[in-house]
Amino acid sequence: MFLKRSIGIALTFIILVILAFGQVGTTPPTFPRTNDKRSNKVELVDINSASREQLAALSGIGEEYADKVIAGRPYKSKKELKTRKILPQVNYKQIADKITAKQTTK
Protein backbone atom coordinates (compact mmCIF):
# COMPACT_ATOMS: atom_id res chain seq x y z
CA MET A 1 0.00 0.00 0.00
CA PHE A 2 2.78 2.44 0.97
CA LEU A 3 4.70 1.58 -2.25
CA LYS A 4 1.66 2.27 -4.47
CA ARG A 5 1.06 5.61 -2.75
CA SER A 6 4.75 6.59 -3.12
CA ILE A 7 4.74 5.70 -6.82
CA GLY A 8 1.52 7.69 -7.31
CA ILE A 9 3.00 10.72 -5.58
CA ALA A 10 6.22 10.45 -7.62
CA LEU A 11 4.29 10.22 -10.91
CA THR A 12 2.12 13.19 -9.94
CA PHE A 13 5.26 15.18 -9.12
CA ILE A 14 6.85 14.29 -12.49
CA ILE A 15 3.71 15.29 -14.37
CA LEU A 16 3.56 18.62 -12.52
CA VAL A 17 7.21 19.32 -13.31
CA ILE A 18 6.65 18.55 -17.00
CA LEU A 19 3.60 20.82 -17.10
CA ALA A 20 5.42 23.60 -15.25
CA PHE A 21 8.43 23.61 -17.58
CA GLY A 22 6.61 22.93 -20.83
CA GLN A 23 6.68 19.97 -23.11
CA VAL A 24 9.84 17.93 -23.22
CA GLY A 25 11.77 18.12 -26.50
CA THR A 26 10.23 21.33 -27.84
CA THR A 27 11.86 24.71 -28.07
CA PRO A 28 10.01 27.94 -27.39
CA PRO A 29 9.01 29.99 -30.41
CA THR A 30 11.40 32.72 -31.44
CA PHE A 31 10.44 36.03 -32.91
CA PRO A 32 12.60 38.06 -35.24
CA ARG A 33 14.28 41.00 -33.57
CA THR A 34 14.65 44.24 -35.37
CA ASN A 35 17.37 46.65 -34.38
CA ASP A 36 16.52 48.90 -37.30
CA LYS A 37 15.24 52.09 -35.66
CA ARG A 38 13.95 53.36 -38.98
CA SER A 39 11.25 50.68 -39.09
CA ASN A 40 9.42 52.35 -36.18
CA LYS A 41 9.69 55.85 -37.62
CA VAL A 42 6.50 57.58 -38.59
CA GLU A 43 6.59 59.99 -41.50
CA LEU A 44 5.95 63.46 -40.09
CA VAL A 45 3.57 65.82 -41.87
CA ASP A 46 5.26 69.10 -42.77
CA ILE A 47 2.82 71.89 -41.94
CA ASN A 48 4.63 74.21 -44.36
CA SER A 49 4.12 72.02 -47.42
CA ALA A 50 1.39 69.44 -46.68
CA SER A 51 -1.73 69.41 -48.79
CA ARG A 52 -5.15 70.19 -47.37
CA GLU A 53 -5.99 66.48 -47.50
CA GLN A 54 -2.84 65.48 -45.61
CA LEU A 55 -3.55 68.01 -42.87
CA ALA A 56 -7.26 67.16 -42.66
CA ALA A 57 -6.35 63.47 -42.22
CA LEU A 58 -4.60 64.23 -38.92
CA SER A 59 -6.68 63.34 -35.86
CA GLY A 60 -8.61 66.36 -34.59
CA ILE A 61 -7.84 68.66 -37.53
CA GLY A 62 -10.43 68.29 -40.27
CA GLU A 63 -10.89 70.57 -43.26
CA GLU A 64 -11.59 73.80 -41.37
CA TYR A 65 -8.39 73.69 -39.32
CA ALA A 66 -6.46 72.45 -42.35
CA ASP A 67 -7.50 75.61 -44.18
CA LYS A 68 -6.38 77.75 -41.21
CA VAL A 69 -3.00 75.99 -41.11
CA ILE A 70 -2.48 76.61 -44.83
CA ALA A 71 -3.55 80.26 -44.56
CA GLY A 72 -1.03 80.88 -41.76
CA ARG A 73 2.02 79.59 -43.62
CA PRO A 74 4.99 79.73 -43.33
CA TYR A 75 5.76 78.53 -39.80
CA LYS A 76 9.18 78.70 -38.16
CA SER A 77 8.14 76.06 -35.62
CA LYS A 78 5.21 73.73 -35.19
CA LYS A 79 4.53 75.44 -31.85
CA GLU A 80 3.36 78.47 -33.78
CA LEU A 81 0.11 76.61 -34.41
CA LYS A 82 -0.56 77.19 -30.70
CA THR A 83 1.00 80.59 -30.16
CA ARG A 84 -0.65 82.13 -33.22
CA LYS A 85 -3.95 80.51 -32.19
CA ILE A 86 -4.33 78.54 -35.41
CA LEU A 87 -5.25 75.44 -33.37
CA PRO A 88 -6.63 75.07 -29.85
CA GLN A 89 -4.29 73.47 -27.29
CA VAL A 90 -6.32 70.22 -27.25
CA ASN A 91 -6.05 69.75 -31.01
CA TYR A 92 -2.37 70.68 -31.04
CA LYS A 93 -1.60 68.04 -28.39
CA GLN A 94 -3.27 65.39 -30.57
CA ILE A 95 -0.97 66.06 -33.53
CA ALA A 96 2.24 67.49 -32.02
CA ASP A 97 4.15 64.22 -32.42
CA LYS A 98 2.92 63.75 -35.99
CA ILE A 99 3.94 67.10 -37.48
CA THR A 100 7.03 69.15 -38.25
CA ALA A 101 7.72 72.60 -39.66
CA LYS A 102 10.53 72.23 -42.19
CA GLN A 103 12.20 75.39 -43.34
CA THR A 104 12.57 75.97 -47.04
CA THR A 105 15.66 77.69 -48.32
CA LYS A 106 15.44 79.83 -51.42
C-alpha atoms as a PDB file:
ATOM      1  CA  MET A   1       0.000   0.000   0.000  1.00  0.00           C
ATOM      2  CA  PHE A   2       2.782   2.435   0.965  1.00  0.00           C
ATOM      3  CA  LEU A   3       4.699   1.580  -2.253  1.00  0.00           C
ATOM      4  CA  LYS A   4       1.663   2.268  -4.473  1.00  0.00           C
ATOM      5  CA  ARG A   5       1.058   5.612  -2.753  1.00  0.00           C
ATOM      6  CA  SER A   6       4.750   6.594  -3.123  1.00  0.00           C
ATOM      7  CA  ILE A   7       4.744   5.704  -6.825  1.00  0.00           C
ATOM      8  CA  GLY A   8       1.524   7.689  -7.307  1.00  0.00           C
ATOM      9  CA  ILE A   9       2.997  10.725  -5.581  1.00  0.00           C
ATOM     10  CA  ALA A  10       6.217  10.450  -7.618  1.00  0.00           C
ATOM     11  CA  LEU A  11       4.291  10.217 -10.908  1.00  0.00           C
ATOM     12  CA  THR A  12       2.117  13.189  -9.939  1.00  0.00           C
ATOM     13  CA  PHE A  13       5.265  15.180  -9.116  1.00  0.00           C
ATOM     14  CA  ILE A  14       6.854  14.291 -12.487  1.00  0.00           C
ATOM     15  CA  ILE A  15       3.710  15.294 -14.366  1.00  0.00           C
ATOM     16  CA  LEU A  16       3.555  18.616 -12.521  1.00  0.00           C
ATOM     17  CA  VAL A  17       7.212  19.320 -13.306  1.00  0.00           C
ATOM     18  CA  ILE A  18       6.646  18.554 -17.002  1.00  0.00           C
ATOM     19  CA  LEU A  19       3.603  20.825 -17.103  1.00  0.00           C
ATOM     20  CA  ALA A  20       5.422  23.598 -15.245  1.00  0.00           C
ATOM     21  CA  PHE A  21       8.429  23.613 -17.585  1.00  0.00           C
ATOM     22  CA  GLY A  22       6.611  22.933 -20.834  1.00  0.00           C
ATOM     23  CA  GLN A  23       6.681  19.971 -23.109  1.00  0.00           C
ATOM     24  CA  VAL A  24       9.840  17.932 -23.222  1.00  0.00           C
ATOM     25  CA  GLY A  25      11.770  18.124 -26.496  1.00  0.00           C
ATOM     26  CA  THR A  26      10.228  21.332 -27.837  1.00  0.00           C
ATOM     27  CA  THR A  27      11.857  24.711 -28.068  1.00  0.00           C
ATOM     28  CA  PRO A  28      10.013  27.937 -27.388  1.00  0.00           C
ATOM     29  CA  PRO A  29       9.011  29.986 -30.408  1.00  0.00           C
ATOM     30  CA  THR A  30      11.397  32.718 -31.439  1.00  0.00           C
ATOM     31  CA  PHE A  31      10.436  36.029 -32.914  1.00  0.00           C
ATOM     32  CA  PRO A  32      12.604  38.063 -35.238  1.00  0.00           C
ATOM     33  CA  ARG A  33      14.279  40.997 -33.571  1.00  0.00           C
ATOM     34  CA  THR A  34      14.653  44.240 -35.369  1.00  0.00           C
ATOM     35  CA  ASN A  35      17.367  46.647 -34.383  1.00  0.00           C
ATOM     36  CA  ASP A  36      16.519  48.899 -37.297  1.00  0.00           C
ATOM     37  CA  LYS A  37      15.242  52.085 -35.657  1.00  0.00           C
ATOM     38  CA  ARG A  38      13.949  53.365 -38.980  1.00  0.00           C
ATOM     39  CA  SER A  39      11.254  50.677 -39.086  1.00  0.00           C
ATOM     40  CA  ASN A  40       9.424  52.353 -36.177  1.00  0.00           C
ATOM     41  CA  LYS A  41       9.694  55.846 -37.621  1.00  0.00           C
ATOM     42  CA  VAL A  42       6.498  57.583 -38.592  1.00  0.00           C
ATOM     43  CA  GLU A  43       6.592  59.989 -41.500  1.00  0.00           C
ATOM     44  CA  LEU A  44       5.946  63.456 -40.088  1.00  0.00           C
ATOM     45  CA  VAL A  45       3.567  65.816 -41.875  1.00  0.00           C
ATOM     46  CA  ASP A  46       5.265  69.099 -42.770  1.00  0.00           C
ATOM     47  CA  ILE A  47       2.819  71.887 -41.941  1.00  0.00           C
ATOM     48  CA  ASN A  48       4.631  74.209 -44.360  1.00  0.00           C
ATOM     49  CA  SER A  49       4.121  72.016 -47.420  1.00  0.00           C
ATOM     50  CA  ALA A  50       1.388  69.443 -46.680  1.00  0.00           C
ATOM     51  CA  SER A  51      -1.734  69.408 -48.790  1.00  0.00           C
ATOM     52  CA  ARG A  52      -5.152  70.189 -47.365  1.00  0.00           C
ATOM     53  CA  GLU A  53      -5.992  66.477 -47.498  1.00  0.00           C
ATOM     54  CA  GLN A  54      -2.837  65.483 -45.605  1.00  0.00           C
ATOM     55  CA  LEU A  55      -3.546  68.014 -42.875  1.00  0.00           C
ATOM     56  CA  ALA A  56      -7.259  67.156 -42.656  1.00  0.00           C
ATOM     57  CA  ALA A  57      -6.354  63.470 -42.223  1.00  0.00           C
ATOM     58  CA  LEU A  58      -4.602  64.227 -38.923  1.00  0.00           C
ATOM     59  CA  SER A  59      -6.676  63.339 -35.865  1.00  0.00           C
ATOM     60  CA  GLY A  60      -8.606  66.364 -34.586  1.00  0.00           C
ATOM     61  CA  ILE A  61      -7.842  68.659 -37.531  1.00  0.00           C
ATOM     62  CA  GLY A  62     -10.427  68.294 -40.274  1.00  0.00           C
ATOM     63  CA  GLU A  63     -10.892  70.570 -43.265  1.00  0.00           C
ATOM     64  CA  GLU A  64     -11.592  73.805 -41.370  1.00  0.00           C
ATOM     65  CA  TYR A  65      -8.392  73.692 -39.319  1.00  0.00           C
ATOM     66  CA  ALA A  66      -6.455  72.448 -42.352  1.00  0.00           C
ATOM     67  CA  ASP A  67      -7.497  75.606 -44.184  1.00  0.00           C
ATOM     68  CA  LYS A  68      -6.379  77.749 -41.212  1.00  0.00           C
ATOM     69  CA  VAL A  69      -2.997  75.995 -41.114  1.00  0.00           C
ATOM     70  CA  ILE A  70      -2.478  76.605 -44.833  1.00  0.00           C
ATOM     71  CA  ALA A  71      -3.551  80.263 -44.564  1.00  0.00           C
ATOM     72  CA  GLY A  72      -1.029  80.875 -41.755  1.00  0.00           C
ATOM     73  CA  ARG A  73       2.025  79.587 -43.624  1.00  0.00           C
ATOM     74  CA  PRO A  74       4.991  79.730 -43.331  1.00  0.00           C
ATOM     75  CA  TYR A  75       5.764  78.533 -39.802  1.00  0.00           C
ATOM     76  CA  LYS A  76       9.180  78.697 -38.158  1.00  0.00           C
ATOM     77  CA  SER A  77       8.141  76.055 -35.619  1.00  0.00           C
ATOM     78  CA  LYS A  78       5.209  73.728 -35.192  1.00  0.00           C
ATOM     79  CA  LYS A  79       4.527  75.437 -31.846  1.00  0.00           C
ATOM     80  CA  GLU A  80       3.360  78.472 -33.780  1.00  0.00           C
ATOM     81  CA  LEU A  81       0.108  76.609 -34.410  1.00  0.00           C
ATOM     82  CA  LYS A  82      -0.562  77.195 -30.697  1.00  0.00           C
ATOM     83  CA  THR A  83       1.005  80.588 -30.161  1.00  0.00           C
ATOM     84  CA  ARG A  84      -0.649  82.127 -33.217  1.00  0.00           C
ATOM     85  CA  LYS A  85      -3.950  80.506 -32.187  1.00  0.00           C
ATOM     86  CA  ILE A  86      -4.328  78.541 -35.414  1.00  0.00           C
ATOM     87  CA  LEU A  87      -5.247  75.441 -33.368  1.00  0.00           C
ATOM     88  CA  PRO A  88      -6.628  75.070 -29.851  1.00  0.00           C
ATOM     89  CA  GLN A  89      -4.287  73.471 -27.294  1.00  0.00           C
ATOM     90  CA  VAL A  90      -6.317  70.222 -27.251  1.00  0.00           C
ATOM     91  CA  ASN A  91      -6.045  69.752 -31.013  1.00  0.00           C
ATOM     92  CA  TYR A  92      -2.366  70.676 -31.035  1.00  0.00           C
ATOM     93  CA  LYS A  93      -1.596  68.042 -28.385  1.00  0.00           C
ATOM     94  CA  GLN A  94      -3.271  65.393 -30.565  1.00  0.00           C
ATOM     95  CA  ILE A  95      -0.973  66.057 -33.528  1.00  0.00           C
ATOM     96  CA  ALA A  96       2.236  67.485 -32.019  1.00  0.00           C
ATOM     97  CA  ASP A  97       4.149  64.222 -32.415  1.00  0.00           C
ATOM     98  CA  LYS A  98       2.921  63.747 -35.991  1.00  0.00           C
ATOM     99  CA  ILE A  99       3.944  67.102 -37.485  1.00  0.00           C
ATOM    100  CA  THR A 100       7.030  69.148 -38.251  1.00  0.00           C
ATOM    101  CA  ALA A 101       7.720  72.598 -39.663  1.00  0.00           C
ATOM    102  CA  LYS A 102      10.533  72.228 -42.189  1.00  0.00           C
ATOM    103  CA  GLN A 103      12.201  75.386 -43.337  1.00  0.00           C
ATOM    104  CA  THR A 104      12.574  75.970 -47.045  1.00  0.00           C
ATOM    105  CA  THR A 105      15.661  77.687 -48.324  1.00  0.00           C
ATOM    106  CA  LYS A 106      15.440  79.826 -51.422  1.00  0.00           C
END
